[in-house]
Amino acid sequence: MRRIAAISLVVLLCALALYATTTAFTNCATGADVVIASGKVWTNPSNIAVSGGQALNLPAANGGFTDYLAATNFGFAVPGGSTIVGVQVTFSRTGTSNGPNPSPILDNHIFLTKDGATVTGTDHALPQFWPNSYTAVNYGATTDLWGATLAPADVNAATFGVFISAVNSATTLQSCGVLGFVQIAVTYSGGARSFSPGFIGTMTRTSKEAAWSFK
């Protein structure tokens, strides 16, 4: 039987595993009207921070649109040094309740905001008409940064949030509303995890049949 010379192996296993964490969907604590030139003002915008509250608007006919309904102050505590990898937004909205279903109301603009006053990233407005009863809609994904560069300090800030603007595509006056709460979830990578080596040492055997001995 062929003998095998002693083989010494030194094994050092150090693995880095990247992992992602998604926060729970968190309610906004502040709702406000942010002016768009020629936009219609939201009535009771702070209601989107109240359970069952309604922020209402009456956008003009023929392409009339609303101001931004700003939902901010989510109270995130993403650890410093993390990498933000995605943002999800959800809220319930409705068009005219006594009109056709769906209503003639559409998204005008859906943007993130870092400072609570200006937009950041890409517009996530959807082409679907708003229903004539409150229905939840989702924007973004766990891997969608909305075309923005976001740091933990940005999403943890009280001014971080989402801007919502609607538009009336009909030739007649229509109304629309957003129901509290507007919610956001943030997905982030916490960096690397270090794993302890399964074995560090010398493994030796003197023949094919012999068992490995560990030192």
Protein backbone atom coordinates (compact mmCIF):
# COMPACT_ATOMS: atom_id res chain seq x y z
CA MET A 1 0.00 0.00 0.00
CA ARG A 2 1.40 3.25 -1.03
CA ARG A 3 2.44 5.37 1.82
CA ILE A 4 1.92 9.03 1.77
CA ALA A 5 4.41 11.33 3.28
CA ALA A 6 3.20 13.31 6.19
CA ILE A 7 1.22 16.31 5.02
CA SER A 8 0.96 19.38 7.14
CA LEU A 9 -1.87 21.76 6.49
CA VAL A 10 -2.28 25.08 8.24
CA VAL A 11 -5.86 26.27 7.86
CA LEU A 12 -6.98 29.81 8.58
CA LEU A 13 -10.65 30.48 7.85
CA CYS A 14 -11.82 34.05 8.13
CA ALA A 15 -15.09 34.78 6.31
CA LEU A 16 -16.81 38.09 5.83
CA ALA A 17 -20.56 37.77 5.40
CA LEU A 18 -22.52 40.76 4.26
CA TYR A 19 -26.05 40.88 5.66
CA ALA A 20 -29.00 43.23 5.32
CA THR A 21 -31.50 44.41 7.90
CA THR A 22 -34.89 45.98 7.15
CA THR A 23 -36.56 48.13 9.77
CA ALA A 24 -40.21 47.72 10.57
CA PHE A 25 -42.55 49.98 8.62
CA THR A 26 -42.58 53.10 10.74
CA ASN A 27 -45.25 55.81 10.95
CA CYS A 28 -44.46 59.41 10.16
CA ALA A 29 -44.78 61.79 13.10
CA THR A 30 -45.12 64.98 11.05
CA GLY A 31 -47.29 65.93 8.09
CA ALA A 32 -47.07 69.26 6.30
CA ASP A 33 -47.92 71.04 3.06
CA VAL A 34 -44.86 71.97 0.97
CA VAL A 35 -45.69 74.45 -1.75
CA ILE A 36 -45.35 73.68 -5.46
CA ALA A 37 -45.89 76.69 -7.71
CA SER A 38 -49.55 76.67 -8.84
CA GLY A 39 -50.26 73.63 -6.66
CA LYS A 40 -53.40 73.25 -4.54
CA VAL A 41 -52.94 73.26 -0.77
CA TRP A 42 -53.61 70.15 1.31
CA THR A 43 -56.24 70.53 4.03
CA ASN A 44 -55.14 69.21 7.43
CA PRO A 45 -51.81 67.76 6.24
CA SER A 46 -50.83 66.94 9.83
CA ASN A 47 -53.59 64.31 9.85
CA ILE A 48 -51.25 61.84 8.12
CA ALA A 49 -49.51 61.55 11.49
CA VAL A 50 -52.82 60.66 13.21
CA SER A 51 -54.45 57.25 13.22
CA GLY A 52 -57.48 57.45 10.95
CA GLY A 53 -56.72 61.07 10.02
CA GLN A 54 -57.28 62.33 6.50
CA ALA A 55 -55.35 64.93 4.53
CA LEU A 56 -57.61 66.18 1.74
CA ASN A 57 -57.21 68.16 -1.48
CA LEU A 58 -59.35 69.45 -4.30
CA PRO A 59 -57.02 69.67 -7.31
CA ALA A 60 -58.30 71.78 -10.19
CA ALA A 61 -59.63 70.19 -13.39
CA ASN A 62 -57.64 69.53 -16.55
CA GLY A 63 -54.28 68.66 -15.05
CA GLY A 64 -54.54 70.63 -11.84
CA PHE A 65 -52.17 69.26 -9.22
CA THR A 66 -51.58 69.40 -5.50
CA ASP A 67 -48.77 70.75 -3.39
CA TYR A 68 -46.46 68.18 -1.85
CA LEU A 69 -47.90 66.36 1.12
CA ALA A 70 -44.73 65.92 3.17
CA ALA A 71 -44.49 62.96 5.56
CA THR A 72 -41.38 63.22 7.76
CA ASN A 73 -40.02 62.52 11.24
CA PHE A 74 -39.94 58.72 11.24
CA GLY A 75 -37.55 58.30 14.17
CA PHE A 76 -35.19 55.81 12.53
CA ALA A 77 -32.02 54.80 14.39
CA VAL A 78 -29.96 53.11 11.68
CA PRO A 79 -26.47 52.44 13.10
CA GLY A 80 -23.68 54.75 12.01
CA GLY A 81 -21.33 53.13 9.52
CA SER A 82 -24.15 51.15 7.89
CA THR A 83 -24.84 51.31 4.17
CA ILE A 84 -28.38 52.20 3.15
CA VAL A 85 -29.48 49.86 0.35
CA GLY A 86 -33.22 50.44 -0.03
CA VAL A 87 -36.28 52.45 0.98
CA GLN A 88 -39.92 51.34 0.88
CA VAL A 89 -42.90 53.68 1.24
CA THR A 90 -46.54 52.77 1.79
CA PHE A 91 -49.69 54.82 2.30
CA SER A 92 -53.42 54.67 1.64
CA ARG A 93 -54.97 57.08 -0.85
CA THR A 94 -58.28 57.69 -2.56
CA GLY A 95 -59.79 59.80 -5.31
CA THR A 96 -63.34 61.11 -5.50
CA SER A 97 -65.52 58.80 -3.42
CA ASN A 98 -68.76 59.46 -5.35
CA GLY A 99 -67.28 59.29 -8.84
CA PRO A 100 -66.07 56.52 -11.13
CA ASN A 101 -63.83 53.77 -9.80
CA PRO A 102 -61.00 54.24 -10.30
CA SER A 103 -61.12 58.01 -9.99
CA PRO A 104 -59.40 60.41 -12.43
CA ILE A 105 -56.74 61.18 -9.81
CA LEU A 106 -53.16 60.05 -10.49
CA ASP A 107 -49.78 60.38 -8.88
CA ASN A 108 -48.16 63.62 -9.92
CA HIS A 109 -44.84 63.18 -8.11
CA ILE A 110 -43.58 60.80 -5.40
CA PHE A 111 -40.13 61.77 -4.14
CA LEU A 112 -37.97 61.21 -1.09
CA THR A 113 -36.71 64.22 0.83
CA LYS A 114 -33.70 64.58 3.11
CA ASP A 115 -34.35 68.07 4.42
CA GLY A 116 -38.16 68.19 4.46
CA ALA A 117 -38.11 71.08 1.99
CA THR A 118 -36.67 69.81 -1.30
CA VAL A 119 -36.83 66.56 -3.26
CA THR A 120 -34.00 64.09 -3.71
CA GLY A 121 -33.48 61.22 -6.14
CA THR A 122 -35.88 59.99 -8.81
CA ASP A 123 -39.64 60.36 -9.15
CA HIS A 124 -41.51 57.17 -8.20
CA ALA A 125 -44.97 58.24 -9.38
CA LEU A 126 -47.04 55.31 -10.64
CA PRO A 127 -49.34 55.42 -13.69
CA GLN A 128 -52.36 53.85 -11.95
CA PHE A 129 -55.47 55.88 -11.15
CA TRP A 130 -56.30 56.27 -7.49
CA PRO A 131 -59.30 54.15 -6.35
CA ASN A 132 -62.44 55.75 -4.93
CA SER A 133 -61.91 54.12 -1.53
CA TYR A 134 -58.80 54.19 0.61
CA THR A 135 -56.36 51.57 -0.64
CA ALA A 136 -52.71 51.04 0.30
CA VAL A 137 -50.00 51.41 -2.33
CA ASN A 138 -46.31 50.56 -2.10
CA TYR A 139 -43.33 52.34 -3.62
CA GLY A 140 -39.69 51.34 -3.72
CA ALA A 141 -38.08 48.10 -2.57
CA THR A 142 -35.45 46.72 -0.23
CA THR A 143 -32.84 47.29 -2.94
CA ASP A 144 -34.21 50.58 -4.32
CA LEU A 145 -32.36 53.76 -3.32
CA TRP A 146 -34.66 55.98 -5.40
CA GLY A 147 -31.65 57.33 -7.26
CA ALA A 148 -30.46 59.05 -4.07
CA THR A 149 -27.32 58.80 -1.99
CA LEU A 150 -28.44 58.11 1.57
CA ALA A 151 -26.36 57.83 4.73
CA PRO A 152 -27.58 56.73 8.17
CA ALA A 153 -27.59 60.37 9.29
CA ASP A 154 -29.93 61.22 6.39
CA VAL A 155 -32.61 58.62 7.20
CA ASN A 156 -32.30 59.16 10.95
CA ALA A 157 -32.95 62.89 10.59
CA ALA A 158 -36.38 64.22 11.55
CA THR A 159 -36.52 65.91 8.13
CA PHE A 160 -36.23 62.64 6.15
CA GLY A 161 -39.37 61.39 4.48
CA VAL A 162 -41.53 61.32 1.37
CA PHE A 163 -43.29 63.98 -0.73
CA ILE A 164 -46.66 63.09 -2.30
CA SER A 165 -48.35 65.10 -5.05
CA ALA A 166 -51.47 64.13 -7.00
CA VAL A 167 -52.93 65.37 -10.29
CA ASN A 168 -56.50 65.53 -11.63
CA SER A 169 -56.76 64.19 -15.18
CA ALA A 170 -60.48 64.93 -15.53
CA THR A 171 -62.22 67.97 -16.99
CA THR A 172 -64.32 68.29 -13.83
CA LEU A 173 -63.38 69.13 -10.26
CA GLN A 174 -62.22 66.09 -8.29
CA SER A 175 -61.08 65.48 -4.72
CA CYS A 176 -58.43 63.20 -3.26
CA GLY A 177 -57.15 62.18 0.14
CA VAL A 178 -54.32 60.42 1.94
CA LEU A 179 -55.08 58.48 5.10
CA GLY A 180 -52.72 58.45 8.11
CA PHE A 181 -50.24 56.94 8.53
CA VAL A 182 -47.65 57.29 5.78
CA GLN A 183 -45.03 54.62 6.53
CA ILE A 184 -41.42 53.98 5.52
CA ALA A 185 -39.08 51.01 5.98
CA VAL A 186 -35.33 51.32 5.45
CA THR A 187 -33.03 48.45 4.47
CA TYR A 188 -29.35 48.71 5.38
CA SER A 189 -26.23 46.61 5.44
CA GLY A 190 -24.55 46.54 8.81
CA GLY A 191 -21.11 45.76 7.38
CA ALA A 192 -19.14 42.54 7.84
CA ARG A 193 -19.41 39.77 10.34
CA SER A 194 -16.26 37.92 11.36
CA PHE A 195 -16.53 34.18 11.84
CA SER A 196 -14.16 32.23 14.05
CA PRO A 197 -12.14 29.64 12.16
CA GLY A 198 -13.46 26.13 12.41
CA PHE A 199 -9.90 24.87 12.94
CA ILE A 200 -6.47 26.39 13.14
CA GLY A 201 -3.57 23.99 13.48
CA THR A 202 -1.77 21.10 11.80
CA MET A 203 -3.44 18.04 10.29
CA THR A 204 -1.24 15.01 9.64
CA ARG A 205 -1.70 11.47 8.43
CA THR A 206 0.85 8.83 7.57
CA SER A 207 -1.11 6.60 5.20
CA LYS A 208 -4.29 6.46 3.18
CA GLU A 209 -5.98 4.39 5.84
CA ALA A 210 -4.79 6.29 8.86
CA ALA A 211 -7.06 8.78 10.46
CA TRP A 212 -6.16 12.42 10.56
CA SER A 213 -4.55 13.54 13.77
CA PHE A 214 -4.94 17.10 14.93
CA LYS A 215 -2.36 19.11 16.83
